[in-house]
Amino acid sequence: MKRKQKEDSKRRAKRKRLLEDLREKMEKFERSMESSSSSLDSESSDSDLESEISSNDDRTRDEGEATLKVILGEDPKSTGEKGPPLCEALVNRWSSYLGAGLERDVRDALIVKYKIPENCSLLDAPKLNPEIGASLTPAQIKKDQFSMTIQNKLGRALVAQGSVLNDILVQDSAIQLEDSTKTALADAAKLICEAHYLISFHRKHELYPFLNPEVQKVAMKSNIGGLLFGEDFQEKYKTAREVKKTSWELKAAGPSGYKKEKKSNLNYKRQGNRPRFKTENYVKKNTGRKPSQRYRNLQQPSNQQNHRKGSRKYYN
């Protein structure tokens, strides 16, 4: 009996110690929770204060920039505002295409896939006029063909985008998009068309130095079509030459009986012929200088000179 009582007392004491330990741990946990909540409250108040201060700083900074813009004008080095970010899948692929280009197999497959429509042949690159290509060097022709290759790719891009726009604009189309999306697609097509035209304009400008002035005038006024300088370029050039020839024939030389006189300056007085030798009427000007030795010798000619036939006399 005594043995059992001892074991029971030990069990009670053990349970009591476990309860006390558990109570102490609970008290510590409650104290830690109170301290953390108080710190969170202080941090939240601090963060609110910081956000308010930062908003005030941003507001003052914006006001200062607006004032400087009014006084000094726009900053020439500012790149402007950026647009919204694109999807990462697009960014990764487009960055690769822009940096390294498309693979040859992919490029050829896209050109074969999107064919030029039968009612919009201008999507294809305009060809060089044969009469102008005959006067160019092989290097210049090769340079022009490279520009044509770029234009053909832009034309295929317009075909791909035009197929989507064509499906959207059909009345019974199942594709339902917002007006902003349709406008964005149309704007992208406009920019590609502008790039296509600018390459044609650049091709014409590169060929002007290889043309004579008469052909160059006609080429500048020609419109771009299936050919770079237009299908009627040769006819326009012949017409320009005939007009110039006719104008020269019709230009009158002047009224009948009219003789063109030489222009003379009425204020100009022509000098008379100066004698080469001294004559009897020659009068020496008194300059106040003594004559030179050579002149004195000429004043006193020798007897041999006086007796010569046809000798001349010298007077002071």
Foldseek 3Di string as FASTA:
>chain_A
DVVVVVVVVVVVVVVVVVVVVVVVVVVVVVVVVVVVVVVVVVVVVVVVVVVVVVVVVVVVVVVVVVVCCVVPNDDPPDPDDDDDDDDPVVVVVVVCCVVPNDDPVVLVVLLVVQDDDPVCPPLQQAAADPVLVVLDDPVLVVVLVVLNVVSSSLSSVLSVLVVVLVLVPDPPRPDDDDPVVSVVSVVVSVVSVVVSVVSLVVSLVVSLVSDDPLLSVLQVPADCDSHSRDPCSVVSSVVSVVVVVVVVVPDDPDDPPDDDDDDDDPVDDDDDDDDPDDDPPDDDDPPPDDDDPVVVDLQDDDPVQVPDPPHDHDDD
